[in-house]
Structure formats: C-alpha cells, structure tokens
PDB file of all heavy atoms in Angstrom:
ATOM      1  N   ARG A   1       0.810  -1.176  -0.011  1.00  0.00           N
ATOM      2  CA  ARG A   1      -0.001  -0.020   0.013  1.00  0.00           C
ATOM      3  C   ARG A   1       0.876   1.208   0.039  1.00  0.00           C
ATOM      4  O   ARG A   1       0.650   2.180  -0.719  1.00  0.00           O
ATOM      5  CB  ARG A   1      -0.873   0.086   1.270  1.00  0.00           C
ATOM      6  CG  ARG A   1      -2.002   1.116   1.264  1.00  0.00           C
ATOM      7  CD  ARG A   1      -2.945   1.151   2.358  1.00  0.00           C
ATOM      8  NE  ARG A   1      -2.083   1.649   3.521  1.00  0.00           N
ATOM      9  CZ  ARG A   1      -2.035   0.915   4.625  1.00  0.00           C
ATOM     10  NH1 ARG A   1      -2.528  -0.228   4.874  1.00  0.00           N
ATOM     11  NH2 ARG A   1      -1.206   1.346   5.640  1.00  0.00           N
ATOM     12  N   LEU A   2       1.933   1.287   0.857  1.00  0.00           N
ATOM     13  CA  LEU A   2       2.872   2.359   0.767  1.00  0.00           C
ATOM     14  C   LEU A   2       3.617   2.597  -0.472  1.00  0.00           C
ATOM     15  O   LEU A   2       3.750   3.775  -0.955  1.00  0.00           O
ATOM     16  CB  LEU A   2       3.931   2.312   1.871  1.00  0.00           C
ATOM     17  CG  LEU A   2       3.287   2.425   3.371  1.00  0.00           C
ATOM     18  CD1 LEU A   2       4.457   2.056   4.349  1.00  0.00           C
ATOM     19  CD2 LEU A   2       2.907   3.816   3.572  1.00  0.00           C
ATOM     20  N   THR A   3       3.853   1.496  -1.098  1.00  0.00           N
ATOM     21  CA  THR A   3       4.589   1.557  -2.392  1.00  0.00           C
ATOM     22  C   THR A   3       3.619   2.103  -3.464  1.00  0.00           C
ATOM     23  O   THR A   3       3.954   3.045  -4.218  1.00  0.00           O
ATOM     24  CB  THR A   3       4.999   0.191  -2.944  1.00  0.00           C
ATOM     25  OG1 THR A   3       5.967  -0.350  -1.962  1.00  0.00           O
ATOM     26  CG2 THR A   3       5.529   0.273  -4.234  1.00  0.00           C
ATOM     27  N   ARG A   4       2.301   1.770  -3.506  1.00  0.00           N
ATOM     28  CA  ARG A   4       1.384   2.398  -4.452  1.00  0.00           C
ATOM     29  C   ARG A   4       1.258   3.854  -4.131  1.00  0.00           C
ATOM     30  O   ARG A   4       1.097   4.603  -5.046  1.00  0.00           O
ATOM     31  CB  ARG A   4       0.050   1.610  -4.334  1.00  0.00           C
ATOM     32  CG  ARG A   4       0.099   0.266  -4.896  1.00  0.00           C
ATOM     33  CD  ARG A   4      -1.364  -0.313  -5.133  1.00  0.00           C
ATOM     34  NE  ARG A   4      -1.980  -0.521  -3.750  1.00  0.00           N
ATOM     35  CZ  ARG A   4      -1.899  -1.433  -2.899  1.00  0.00           C
ATOM     36  NH1 ARG A   4      -1.138  -2.627  -3.237  1.00  0.00           N
ATOM     37  NH2 ARG A   4      -2.603  -1.494  -1.803  1.00  0.00           N
ATOM     38  N   GLN A   5       1.122   4.353  -2.778  1.00  0.00           N
ATOM     39  CA  GLN A   5       0.996   5.639  -2.447  1.00  0.00           C
ATOM     40  C   GLN A   5       2.179   6.443  -2.914  1.00  0.00           C
ATOM     41  O   GLN A   5       2.003   7.592  -3.480  1.00  0.00           O
ATOM     42  CB  GLN A   5       0.892   5.798  -0.913  1.00  0.00           C
ATOM     43  CG  GLN A   5      -0.531   5.365  -0.398  1.00  0.00           C
ATOM     44  CD  GLN A   5      -0.515   5.385   1.058  1.00  0.00           C
ATOM     45  OE1 GLN A   5       0.334   5.421   1.842  1.00  0.00           O
ATOM     46  NE2 GLN A   5      -1.779   5.238   1.636  1.00  0.00           N
ATOM     47  N   MET A   6       3.428   5.903  -2.709  1.00  0.00           N
ATOM     48  CA  MET A   6       4.552   6.643  -3.194  1.00  0.00           C
ATOM     49  C   MET A   6       4.657   6.690  -4.757  1.00  0.00           C
ATOM     50  O   MET A   6       4.999   7.774  -5.253  1.00  0.00           O
ATOM     51  CB  MET A   6       5.827   5.984  -2.748  1.00  0.00           C
ATOM     52  CG  MET A   6       6.119   6.048  -1.233  1.00  0.00           C
ATOM     53  SD  MET A   6       6.376   7.738  -0.657  1.00  0.00           S
ATOM     54  CE  MET A   6       8.000   8.067  -1.503  1.00  0.00           C
ATOM     55  N   GLN A   7       4.116   5.791  -5.514  1.00  0.00           N
ATOM     56  CA  GLN A   7       4.083   5.788  -6.866  1.00  0.00           C
ATOM     57  C   GLN A   7       3.153   6.881  -7.345  1.00  0.00           C
ATOM     58  O   GLN A   7       3.344   7.603  -8.235  1.00  0.00           O
ATOM     59  CB  GLN A   7       3.663   4.420  -7.497  1.00  0.00           C
ATOM     60  CG  GLN A   7       4.791   3.419  -7.403  1.00  0.00           C
ATOM     61  CD  GLN A   7       4.342   2.012  -7.818  1.00  0.00           C
ATOM     62  OE1 GLN A   7       3.131   1.687  -7.722  1.00  0.00           O
ATOM     63  NE2 GLN A   7       5.348   1.175  -8.099  1.00  0.00           N
ATOM     64  N   ARG A   8       2.023   7.030  -6.642  1.00  0.00           N
ATOM     65  CA  ARG A   8       0.977   8.067  -7.062  1.00  0.00           C
ATOM     66  C   ARG A   8       1.530   9.508  -6.809  1.00  0.00           C
ATOM     67  O   ARG A   8       1.439  10.340  -7.442  1.00  0.00           O
ATOM     68  CB  ARG A   8      -0.267   7.980  -6.187  1.00  0.00           C
ATOM     69  CG  ARG A   8      -1.228   6.842  -6.833  1.00  0.00           C
ATOM     70  CD  ARG A   8      -2.624   6.893  -6.219  1.00  0.00           C
ATOM     71  NE  ARG A   8      -2.649   6.706  -4.746  1.00  0.00           N
ATOM     72  CZ  ARG A   8      -2.684   5.566  -4.099  1.00  0.00           C
ATOM     73  NH1 ARG A   8      -2.761   4.438  -4.698  1.00  0.00           N
ATOM     74  NH2 ARG A   8      -2.674   5.526  -2.733  1.00  0.00           N
ATOM     75  N   GLN A   9       2.265   9.594  -5.510  1.00  0.00           N
ATOM     76  CA  GLN A   9       2.992  10.856  -5.201  1.00  0.00           C
ATOM     77  C   GLN A   9       3.913  11.298  -6.288  1.00  0.00           C
ATOM     78  O   GLN A   9       4.119  12.367  -6.587  1.00  0.00           O
ATOM     79  CB  GLN A   9       3.432  10.778  -3.886  1.00  0.00           C
ATOM     80  CG  GLN A   9       2.577  10.813  -2.745  1.00  0.00           C
ATOM     81  CD  GLN A   9       3.001  10.726  -1.370  1.00  0.00           C
ATOM     82  OE1 GLN A   9       4.216  10.611  -1.174  1.00  0.00           O
ATOM     83  NE2 GLN A   9       2.217  10.979  -0.312  1.00  0.00           N
ATOM     84  N   GLU A  10       4.814  10.184  -6.656  1.00  0.00           N
ATOM     85  CA  GLU A  10       5.819  10.471  -7.650  1.00  0.00           C
ATOM     86  C   GLU A  10       5.224  10.910  -8.958  1.00  0.00           C
ATOM     87  O   GLU A  10       5.647  11.827  -9.583  1.00  0.00           O
ATOM     88  CB  GLU A  10       6.725   9.205  -7.872  1.00  0.00           C
ATOM     89  CG  GLU A  10       7.733   9.399  -8.846  1.00  0.00           C
ATOM     90  CD  GLU A  10       8.544   8.102  -8.970  1.00  0.00           C
ATOM     91  OE1 GLU A  10       8.267   7.093  -8.293  1.00  0.00           O
ATOM     92  OE2 GLU A  10       9.408   8.104  -9.836  1.00  0.00           O
ATOM     93  N   ARG A  11       4.140  10.299  -9.344  1.00  0.00           N
ATOM     94  CA  ARG A  11       3.443  10.623 -10.547  1.00  0.00           C
ATOM     95  C   ARG A  11       2.817  11.974 -10.506  1.00  0.00           C
ATOM     96  O   ARG A  11       3.036  12.776 -11.388  1.00  0.00           O
ATOM     97  CB  ARG A  11       2.254   9.613 -10.842  1.00  0.00           C
ATOM     98  CG  ARG A  11       1.444   9.908 -11.977  1.00  0.00           C
ATOM     99  CD  ARG A  11       0.074   9.084 -12.115  1.00  0.00           C
ATOM    100  NE  ARG A  11      -0.795   9.485 -13.048  1.00  0.00           N
ATOM    101  CZ  ARG A  11      -1.772  10.386 -12.671  1.00  0.00           C
ATOM    102  NH1 ARG A  11      -1.961  10.786 -11.474  1.00  0.00           N
ATOM    103  NH2 ARG A  11      -2.630  10.758 -13.554  1.00  0.00           N
ATOM    104  N   ASP A  12       2.256  12.314  -9.254  1.00  0.00           N
ATOM    105  CA  ASP A  12       1.693  13.678  -9.102  1.00  0.00           C
ATOM    106  C   ASP A  12       2.735  14.789  -9.202  1.00  0.00           C
ATOM    107  O   ASP A  12       2.563  15.823  -9.736  1.00  0.00           O
ATOM    108  CB  ASP A  12       0.804  13.743  -7.795  1.00  0.00           C
ATOM    109  CG  ASP A  12      -0.374  12.842  -7.725  1.00  0.00           C
ATOM    110  OD1 ASP A  12      -0.776  12.352  -8.905  1.00  0.00           O
ATOM    111  OD2 ASP A  12      -0.936  12.701  -6.683  1.00  0.00           O
ATOM    112  N   LEU A  13       3.863  14.540  -8.553  1.00  0.00           N
ATOM    113  CA  LEU A  13       4.968  15.495  -8.563  1.00  0.00           C
ATOM    114  C   LEU A  13       5.490  15.621 -10.005  1.00  0.00           C
ATOM    115  O   LEU A  13       5.806  16.801 -10.468  1.00  0.00           O
ATOM    116  CB  LEU A  13       5.969  14.976  -7.661  1.00  0.00           C
ATOM    117  CG  LEU A  13       7.233  15.918  -7.608  1.00  0.00           C
ATOM    118  CD1 LEU A  13       6.900  17.387  -7.043  1.00  0.00           C
ATOM    119  CD2 LEU A  13       8.417  15.181  -6.684  1.00  0.00           C
ATOM    120  N   MET A  14       5.552  14.540 -10.755  1.00  0.00           N
ATOM    121  CA  MET A  14       6.148  14.703 -12.129  1.00  0.00           C
ATOM    122  C   MET A  14       5.117  15.541 -12.981  1.00  0.00           C
ATOM    123  O   MET A  14       5.527  16.304 -13.735  1.00  0.00           O
ATOM    124  CB  MET A  14       6.248  13.263 -12.671  1.00  0.00           C
ATOM    125  CG  MET A  14       6.809  13.224 -14.140  1.00  0.00           C
ATOM    126  SD  MET A  14       5.693  13.247 -15.636  1.00  0.00           S
ATOM    127  CE  MET A  14       4.390  12.108 -15.166  1.00  0.00           C
ATOM    128  N   ILE A  15       3.813  15.329 -12.852  1.00  0.00           N
ATOM    129  CA  ILE A  15       2.850  16.063 -13.506  1.00  0.00           C
ATOM    130  C   ILE A  15       2.854  17.553 -13.093  1.00  0.00           C
ATOM    131  O   ILE A  15       2.888  18.389 -13.916  1.00  0.00           O
ATOM    132  CB  ILE A  15       1.372  15.615 -13.157  1.00  0.00           C
ATOM    133  CG1 ILE A  15       1.199  14.174 -13.951  1.00  0.00           C
ATOM    134  CG2 ILE A  15       0.276  16.563 -13.688  1.00  0.00           C
ATOM    135  CD1 ILE A  15      -0.075  13.441 -13.366  1.00  0.00           C
ATOM    136  N   ALA A  16       3.048  17.824 -11.841  1.00  0.00           N
ATOM    137  CA  ALA A  16       3.132  19.197 -11.375  1.00  0.00           C
ATOM    138  C   ALA A  16       4.373  19.892 -12.021  1.00  0.00           C
ATOM    139  O   ALA A  16       4.325  21.099 -12.372  1.00  0.00           O
ATOM    140  CB  ALA A  16       3.123  19.306  -9.756  1.00  0.00           C
ATOM    141  N   LEU A  17       5.583  19.171 -11.893  1.00  0.00           N
ATOM    142  CA  LEU A  17       6.818  19.746 -12.396  1.00  0.00           C
ATOM    143  C   LEU A  17       6.754  19.959 -13.944  1.00  0.00           C
ATOM    144  O   LEU A  17       7.164  21.056 -14.504  1.00  0.00           O
ATOM    145  CB  LEU A  17       7.875  18.853 -12.142  1.00  0.00           C
ATOM    146  CG  LEU A  17       8.374  18.836 -10.679  1.00  0.00           C
ATOM    147  CD1 LEU A  17       9.441  17.716 -10.553  1.00  0.00           C
ATOM    148  CD2 LEU A  17       8.863  20.256 -10.155  1.00  0.00           C
ATOM    149  N   GLU A  18       6.100  19.065 -14.711  1.00  0.00           N
ATOM    150  CA  GLU A  18       6.106  19.251 -16.088  1.00  0.00           C
ATOM    151  C   GLU A  18       5.064  20.350 -16.426  1.00  0.00           C
ATOM    152  O   GLU A  18       5.338  21.175 -17.372  1.00  0.00           O
ATOM    153  CB  GLU A  18       5.588  17.897 -16.884  1.00  0.00           C
ATOM    154  CG  GLU A  18       6.728  16.921 -16.894  1.00  0.00           C
ATOM    155  CD  GLU A  18       7.863  17.323 -17.682  1.00  0.00           C
ATOM    156  OE1 GLU A  18       7.715  17.928 -18.885  1.00  0.00           O
ATOM    157  OE2 GLU A  18       8.993  17.100 -17.258  1.00  0.00           O
ATOM    158  N   THR A  19       3.934  20.375 -15.749  1.00  0.00           N
ATOM    159  CA  THR A  19       2.960  21.492 -15.923  1.00  0.00           C
ATOM    160  C   THR A  19       3.611  22.840 -15.809  1.00  0.00           C
ATOM    161  O   THR A  19       3.496  23.715 -16.585  1.00  0.00           O
ATOM    162  CB  THR A  19       1.772  21.208 -15.086  1.00  0.00           C
ATOM    163  OG1 THR A  19       1.229  20.016 -15.327  1.00  0.00           O
ATOM    164  CG2 THR A  19       0.673  22.310 -15.297  1.00  0.00           C
ATOM    165  N   HIS A  20       4.346  22.927 -14.606  1.00  0.00           N
ATOM    166  CA  HIS A  20       5.008  24.230 -14.271  1.00  0.00           C
ATOM    167  C   HIS A  20       6.036  24.595 -15.294  1.00  0.00           C
ATOM    168  O   HIS A  20       6.079  25.773 -15.817  1.00  0.00           O
ATOM    169  CB  HIS A  20       5.661  24.027 -12.910  1.00  0.00           C
ATOM    170  CG  HIS A  20       6.053  25.327 -12.313  1.00  0.00           C
ATOM    171  ND1 HIS A  20       7.196  25.517 -11.581  1.00  0.00           N
ATOM    172  CD2 HIS A  20       5.468  26.566 -12.313  1.00  0.00           C
ATOM    173  CE1 HIS A  20       7.385  26.722 -11.203  1.00  0.00           C
ATOM    174  NE2 HIS A  20       6.319  27.518 -11.654  1.00  0.00           N
ATOM    175  N   ALA A  21       6.825  23.654 -15.754  1.00  0.00           N
ATOM    176  CA  ALA A  21       7.877  23.845 -16.748  1.00  0.00           C
ATOM    177  C   ALA A  21       7.266  24.266 -18.012  1.00  0.00           C
ATOM    178  O   ALA A  21       7.705  25.233 -18.817  1.00  0.00           O
ATOM    179  CB  ALA A  21       8.706  22.585 -16.918  1.00  0.00           C
ATOM    180  N   LEU A  22       6.105  23.568 -18.519  1.00  0.00           N
ATOM    181  CA  LEU A  22       5.529  24.050 -19.713  1.00  0.00           C
ATOM    182  C   LEU A  22       5.010  25.408 -19.710  1.00  0.00           C
ATOM    183  O   LEU A  22       5.042  26.123 -20.668  1.00  0.00           O
ATOM    184  CB  LEU A  22       4.440  22.960 -20.162  1.00  0.00           C
ATOM    185  CG  LEU A  22       4.912  21.613 -20.718  1.00  0.00           C
ATOM    186  CD1 LEU A  22       3.830  20.673 -20.814  1.00  0.00           C
ATOM    187  CD2 LEU A  22       5.615  21.772 -21.943  1.00  0.00           C
ATOM    188  N   PHE A  23       4.382  25.733 -18.501  1.00  0.00           N
ATOM    189  CA  PHE A  23       3.734  27.092 -18.337  1.00  0.00           C
ATOM    190  C   PHE A  23       4.886  28.132 -18.549  1.00  0.00           C
ATOM    191  O   PHE A  23       4.726  29.118 -19.175  1.00  0.00           O
ATOM    192  CB  PHE A  23       3.089  27.173 -17.118  1.00  0.00           C
ATOM    193  CG  PHE A  23       2.557  28.512 -16.828  1.00  0.00           C
ATOM    194  CD1 PHE A  23       1.434  29.202 -17.445  1.00  0.00           C
ATOM    195  CD2 PHE A  23       3.252  29.358 -15.911  1.00  0.00           C
ATOM    196  CE1 PHE A  23       1.034  30.410 -17.287  1.00  0.00           C
ATOM    197  CE2 PHE A  23       2.811  30.717 -15.638  1.00  0.00           C
ATOM    198  CZ  PHE A  23       1.763  31.317 -16.382  1.00  0.00           C
ATOM    199  N   ILE A  24       5.904  27.897 -17.854  1.00  0.00           N
ATOM    200  CA  ILE A  24       7.037  28.818 -17.844  1.00  0.00           C
ATOM    201  C   ILE A  24       7.696  29.003 -19.273  1.00  0.00           C
ATOM    202  O   ILE A  24       7.806  30.158 -19.584  1.00  0.00           O
ATOM    203  CB  ILE A  24       8.168  28.446 -16.747  1.00  0.00           C
ATOM    204  CG1 ILE A  24       7.598  28.725 -15.432  1.00  0.00           C
ATOM    205  CG2 ILE A  24       9.384  29.316 -17.037  1.00  0.00           C
ATOM    206  CD1 ILE A  24       8.519  28.127 -14.256  1.00  0.00           C
ATOM    207  N   ARG A  25       7.877  27.884 -19.825  1.00  0.00           N
ATOM    208  CA  ARG A  25       8.417  27.947 -21.164  1.00  0.00           C
ATOM    209  C   ARG A  25       7.367  28.720 -22.195  1.00  0.00           C
ATOM    210  O   ARG A  25       7.758  29.650 -22.950  1.00  0.00           O
ATOM    211  CB  ARG A  25       8.623  26.569 -21.762  1.00  0.00           C
ATOM    212  CG  ARG A  25       9.237  26.432 -23.159  1.00  0.00           C
ATOM    213  CD  ARG A  25       9.455  25.081 -23.694  1.00  0.00           C
ATOM    214  NE  ARG A  25      10.457  24.513 -22.775  1.00  0.00           N
ATOM    215  CZ  ARG A  25      10.400  23.095 -22.473  1.00  0.00           C
ATOM    216  NH1 ARG A  25       9.483  22.328 -22.942  1.00  0.00           N
ATOM    217  NH2 ARG A  25      11.218  22.622 -21.566  1.00  0.00           N
ATOM    218  N   PHE A  26       6.169  28.466 -22.057  1.00  0.00           N
ATOM    219  CA  PHE A  26       5.111  29.004 -22.895  1.00  0.00           C
ATOM    220  C   PHE A  26       5.030  30.596 -22.500  1.00  0.00           C
ATOM    221  O   PHE A  26       5.127  31.466 -23.337  1.00  0.00           O
ATOM    222  CB  PHE A  26       3.819  28.522 -22.696  1.00  0.00           C
ATOM    223  CG  PHE A  26       2.706  29.171 -23.459  1.00  0.00           C
ATOM    224  CD1 PHE A  26       2.582  28.980 -24.827  1.00  0.00           C
ATOM    225  CD2 PHE A  26       1.787  29.993 -22.855  1.00  0.00           C
ATOM    226  CE1 PHE A  26       1.542  29.599 -25.495  1.00  0.00           C
ATOM    227  CE2 PHE A  26       0.810  30.521 -23.549  1.00  0.00           C
ATOM    228  CZ  PHE A  26       0.582  30.384 -24.931  1.00  0.00           C
ATOM    229  N   TRP A  27       5.016  30.911 -21.243  1.00  0.00           N
ATOM    230  CA  TRP A  27       5.014  32.284 -20.753  1.00  0.00           C
ATOM    231  C   TRP A  27       6.212  33.145 -21.255  1.00  0.00           C
ATOM    232  O   TRP A  27       5.944  34.298 -21.781  1.00  0.00           O
ATOM    233  CB  TRP A  27       4.818  32.438 -19.288  1.00  0.00           C
ATOM    234  CG  TRP A  27       4.660  33.688 -18.749  1.00  0.00           C
ATOM    235  CD1 TRP A  27       3.462  34.430 -18.771  1.00  0.00           C
ATOM    236  CD2 TRP A  27       5.604  34.616 -18.203  1.00  0.00           C
ATOM    237  NE1 TRP A  27       3.618  35.743 -18.205  1.00  0.00           N
ATOM    238  CE2 TRP A  27       4.949  35.784 -17.848  1.00  0.00           C
ATOM    239  CE3 TRP A  27       6.960  34.390 -17.906  1.00  0.00           C
ATOM    240  CZ2 TRP A  27       5.578  36.867 -17.297  1.00  0.00           C
ATOM    241  CZ3 TRP A  27       7.528  35.314 -17.311  1.00  0.00           C
ATOM    242  CH2 TRP A  27       6.995  36.615 -16.980  1.00  0.00           C
ATOM    243  N   LEU A  28       7.372  32.504 -21.089  1.00  0.00           N
ATOM    244  CA  LEU A  28       8.553  33.287 -21.518  1.00  0.00           C
ATOM    245  C   LEU A  28       8.587  33.409 -23.019  1.00  0.00           C
ATOM    246  O   LEU A  28       9.065  34.480 -23.403  1.00  0.00           O
ATOM    247  CB  LEU A  28       9.850  32.516 -21.024  1.00  0.00           C
ATOM    248  CG  LEU A  28      10.028  32.568 -19.514  1.00  0.00           C
ATOM    249  CD1 LEU A  28      11.235  31.670 -19.124  1.00  0.00           C
ATOM    250  CD2 LEU A  28      10.214  34.045 -19.003  1.00  0.00           C
ATOM    251  N   GLY A  29       8.158  32.497 -23.766  1.00  0.00           N
ATOM    252  CA  GLY A  29       8.067  32.539 -25.231  1.00  0.00           C
ATOM    253  C   GLY A  29       7.115  33.588 -25.749  1.00  0.00           C
ATOM    254  O   GLY A  29       7.206  34.011 -26.908  1.00  0.00           O
ATOM    255  N   GLN A  30       6.002  33.719 -25.091  1.00  0.00           N
ATOM    256  CA  GLN A  30       4.963  34.621 -25.545  1.00  0.00           C
ATOM    257  C   GLN A  30       4.752  35.972 -24.982  1.00  0.00           C
ATOM    258  O   GLN A  30       4.048  36.746 -25.565  1.00  0.00           O
ATOM    259  CB  GLN A  30       3.570  33.806 -25.380  1.00  0.00           C
ATOM    260  CG  GLN A  30       3.441  32.393 -25.976  1.00  0.00           C
ATOM    261  CD  GLN A  30       3.505  32.551 -27.520  1.00  0.00           C
ATOM    262  OE1 GLN A  30       2.883  33.490 -28.036  1.00  0.00           O
ATOM    263  NE2 GLN A  30       4.285  31.624 -28.218  1.00  0.00           N
ATOM    264  N   THR A  31       5.379  36.289 -23.910  1.00  0.00           N
ATOM    265  CA  THR A  31       5.213  37.613 -23.202  1.00  0.00           C
ATOM    266  C   THR A  31       6.399  38.449 -23.696  1.00  0.00           C
ATOM    267  O   THR A  31       7.536  38.171 -23.422  1.00  0.00           O
ATOM    268  CB  THR A  31       5.333  37.349 -21.716  1.00  0.00           C
ATOM    269  OG1 THR A  31       4.345  36.440 -21.347  1.00  0.00           O
ATOM    270  CG2 THR A  31       4.989  38.695 -21.030  1.00  0.00           C
ATOM    271  N   PRO A  32       6.034  39.632 -24.425  1.00  0.00           N
ATOM    272  CA  PRO A  32       7.077  40.531 -24.797  1.00  0.00           C
ATOM    273  C   PRO A  32       7.509  41.405 -23.611  1.00  0.00           C
ATOM    274  O   PRO A  32       6.718  41.587 -22.656  1.00  0.00           O
ATOM    275  CB  PRO A  32       6.374  41.331 -25.837  1.00  0.00           C
ATOM    276  CG  PRO A  32       4.903  41.214 -25.548  1.00  0.00           C
ATOM    277  CD  PRO A  32       4.742  39.901 -24.894  1.00  0.00           C
ATOM    278  N   PRO A  33       8.678  41.875 -23.649  1.00  0.00           N
ATOM    279  CA  PRO A  33       9.145  42.793 -22.495  1.00  0.00           C
ATOM    280  C   PRO A  33       8.313  44.063 -22.541  1.00  0.00           C
ATOM    281  O   PRO A  33       7.863  44.530 -23.657  1.00  0.00           O
ATOM    282  CB  PRO A  33      10.561  43.076 -22.724  1.00  0.00           C
ATOM    283  CG  PRO A  33      10.911  42.616 -24.146  1.00  0.00           C
ATOM    284  CD  PRO A  33       9.684  41.622 -24.531  1.00  0.00           C
ATOM    285  N   LEU A  34       7.973  44.671 -21.319  1.00  0.00           N
ATOM    286  CA  LEU A  34       7.191  45.899 -21.295  1.00  0.00           C
ATOM    287  C   LEU A  34       8.152  47.077 -21.225  1.00  0.00           C
ATOM    288  O   LEU A  34       9.220  47.023 -20.619  1.00  0.00           O
ATOM    289  CB  LEU A  34       6.365  45.858 -19.949  1.00  0.00           C
ATOM    290  CG  LEU A  34       5.246  44.827 -19.843  1.00  0.00           C
ATOM    291  CD1 LEU A  34       4.692  44.888 -18.495  1.00  0.00           C
ATOM    292  CD2 LEU A  34       4.267  45.064 -20.790  1.00  0.00           C
ATOM    293  N   PRO A  35       7.580  48.190 -21.826  1.00  0.00           N
ATOM    294  CA  PRO A  35       8.478  49.387 -21.638  1.00  0.00           C
ATOM    295  C   PRO A  35       8.346  49.912 -20.215  1.00  0.00           C
ATOM    296  O   PRO A  35       7.381  49.604 -19.510  1.00  0.00           O
ATOM    297  CB  PRO A  35       7.685  50.445 -22.662  1.00  0.00           C
ATOM    298  CG  PRO A  35       6.430  49.730 -22.989  1.00  0.00           C
ATOM    299  CD  PRO A  35       6.445  48.289 -22.597  1.00  0.00           C
ATOM    300  N   ALA A  36       9.224  50.611 -19.840  1.00  0.00           N
ATOM    301  CA  ALA A  36       9.312  51.070 -18.356  1.00  0.00           C
ATOM    302  C   ALA A  36       8.106  51.856 -17.866  1.00  0.00           C
ATOM    303  O   ALA A  36       7.743  51.668 -16.761  1.00  0.00           O
ATOM    304  CB  ALA A  36      10.529  51.976 -18.140  1.00  0.00           C
ATOM    305  N   GLU A  37       7.531  52.621 -18.767  1.00  0.00           N
ATOM    306  CA  GLU A  37       6.384  53.414 -18.424  1.00  0.00           C
ATOM    307  C   GLU A  37       5.052  52.553 -18.211  1.00  0.00           C
ATOM    308  O   GLU A  37       4.215  52.919 -17.471  1.00  0.00           O
ATOM    309  CB  GLU A  37       6.097  54.538 -19.406  1.00  0.00           C
ATOM    310  CG  GLU A  37       5.752  54.146 -20.817  1.00  0.00           C
ATOM    311  CD  GLU A  37       6.961  53.962 -21.703  1.00  0.00           C
ATOM    312  OE1 GLU A  37       8.074  54.154 -21.182  1.00  0.00           O
ATOM    313  OE2 GLU A  37       6.791  53.580 -22.819  1.00  0.00           O
ATOM    314  N   ALA A  38       5.082  51.325 -18.714  1.00  0.00           N
ATOM    315  CA  ALA A  38       3.923  50.487 -18.609  1.00  0.00           C
ATOM    316  C   ALA A  38       4.051  49.483 -17.419  1.00  0.00           C
ATOM    317  O   ALA A  38       3.083  48.696 -17.074  1.00  0.00           O
ATOM    318  CB  ALA A  38       3.711  49.742 -19.821  1.00  0.00           C
ATOM    319  N   GLN A  39       5.268  49.408 -16.826  1.00  0.00           N
ATOM    320  CA  GLN A  39       5.422  48.404 -15.750  1.00  0.00           C
ATOM    321  C   GLN A  39       4.592  48.618 -14.509  1.00  0.00           C
ATOM    322  O   GLN A  39       4.172  47.644 -13.939  1.00  0.00           O
ATOM    323  CB  GLN A  39       6.917  48.352 -15.474  1.00  0.00           C
ATOM    324  CG  GLN A  39       7.691  47.672 -16.607  1.00  0.00           C
ATOM    325  CD  GLN A  39       9.190  47.402 -16.165  1.00  0.00           C
ATOM    326  OE1 GLN A  39       9.521  47.729 -15.006  1.00  0.00           O
ATOM    327  NE2 GLN A  39       9.851  46.946 -17.107  1.00  0.00           N
ATOM    328  N   ALA A  40       4.384  49.746 -14.039  1.00  0.00           N
ATOM    329  CA  ALA A  40       3.491  50.072 -12.840  1.00  0.00           C
ATOM    330  C   ALA A  40       2.121  49.435 -13.120  1.00  0.00           C
ATOM    331  O   ALA A  40       1.574  48.811 -12.170  1.00  0.00           O
ATOM    332  CB  ALA A  40       3.546  51.540 -12.474  1.00  0.00           C
ATOM    333  N   ALA A  41       1.466  49.779 -14.317  1.00  0.00           N
ATOM    334  CA  ALA A  41       0.160  49.400 -14.562  1.00  0.00           C
ATOM    335  C   ALA A  41       0.059  47.842 -14.660  1.00  0.00           C
ATOM    336  O   ALA A  41      -0.757  47.163 -14.208  1.00  0.00           O
ATOM    337  CB  ALA A  41      -0.442  49.975 -15.818  1.00  0.00           C
ATOM    338  N   ALA A  42       1.164  47.268 -15.281  1.00  0.00           N
ATOM    339  CA  ALA A  42       1.261  45.854 -15.388  1.00  0.00           C
ATOM    340  C   ALA A  42       1.393  45.196 -14.082  1.00  0.00           C
ATOM    341  O   ALA A  42       0.807  44.068 -13.850  1.00  0.00           O
ATOM    342  CB  ALA A  42       2.328  45.440 -16.372  1.00  0.00           C
ATOM    343  N   ASN A  43       2.102  45.765 -13.186  1.00  0.00           N
ATOM    344  CA  ASN A  43       2.268  45.265 -11.858  1.00  0.00           C
ATOM    345  C   ASN A  43       1.057  45.182 -11.036  1.00  0.00           C
ATOM    346  O   ASN A  43       0.691  44.214 -10.425  1.00  0.00           O
ATOM    347  CB  ASN A  43       3.403  45.954 -11.105  1.00  0.00           C
ATOM    348  CG  ASN A  43       3.942  45.323  -9.830  1.00  0.00           C
ATOM    349  OD1 ASN A  43       3.599  44.194  -9.683  1.00  0.00           O
ATOM    350  ND2 ASN A  43       4.776  46.001  -9.111  1.00  0.00           N
ATOM    351  N   ALA A  44       0.258  46.327 -11.189  1.00  0.00           N
ATOM    352  CA  ALA A  44      -1.075  46.445 -10.493  1.00  0.00           C
ATOM    353  C   ALA A  44      -2.026  45.304 -11.066  1.00  0.00           C
ATOM    354  O   ALA A  44      -2.702  44.578 -10.322  1.00  0.00           O
ATOM    355  CB  ALA A  44      -1.746  47.774 -10.703  1.00  0.00           C
TER     356      ALA A  44
END
C-alpha cells in the first residue's frame, strides 16, 4: 500500500513539475518585455 501511495505521489509530482515547466516555457516565449512606463500598470 505504501509503495502504491509513493508511486502516486511520484506521478503527481512529475505532473506538477512538467505542468509548471511547460507554463514557464510558454509564458517566456509569448510575453514581450514591457516598456518602463507600462510596468507600474502591469504590476497592478
């Protein structure tokens, strides 16, 4: 039972890491840099 639980946790962690990595890769590839005057509004 513990082995099955660890396998599920390992699978869940792998999914979370891959999801996070894909999101970051996509976000970095699609988001253009902001001009300095627009950064305050973008931050809000």
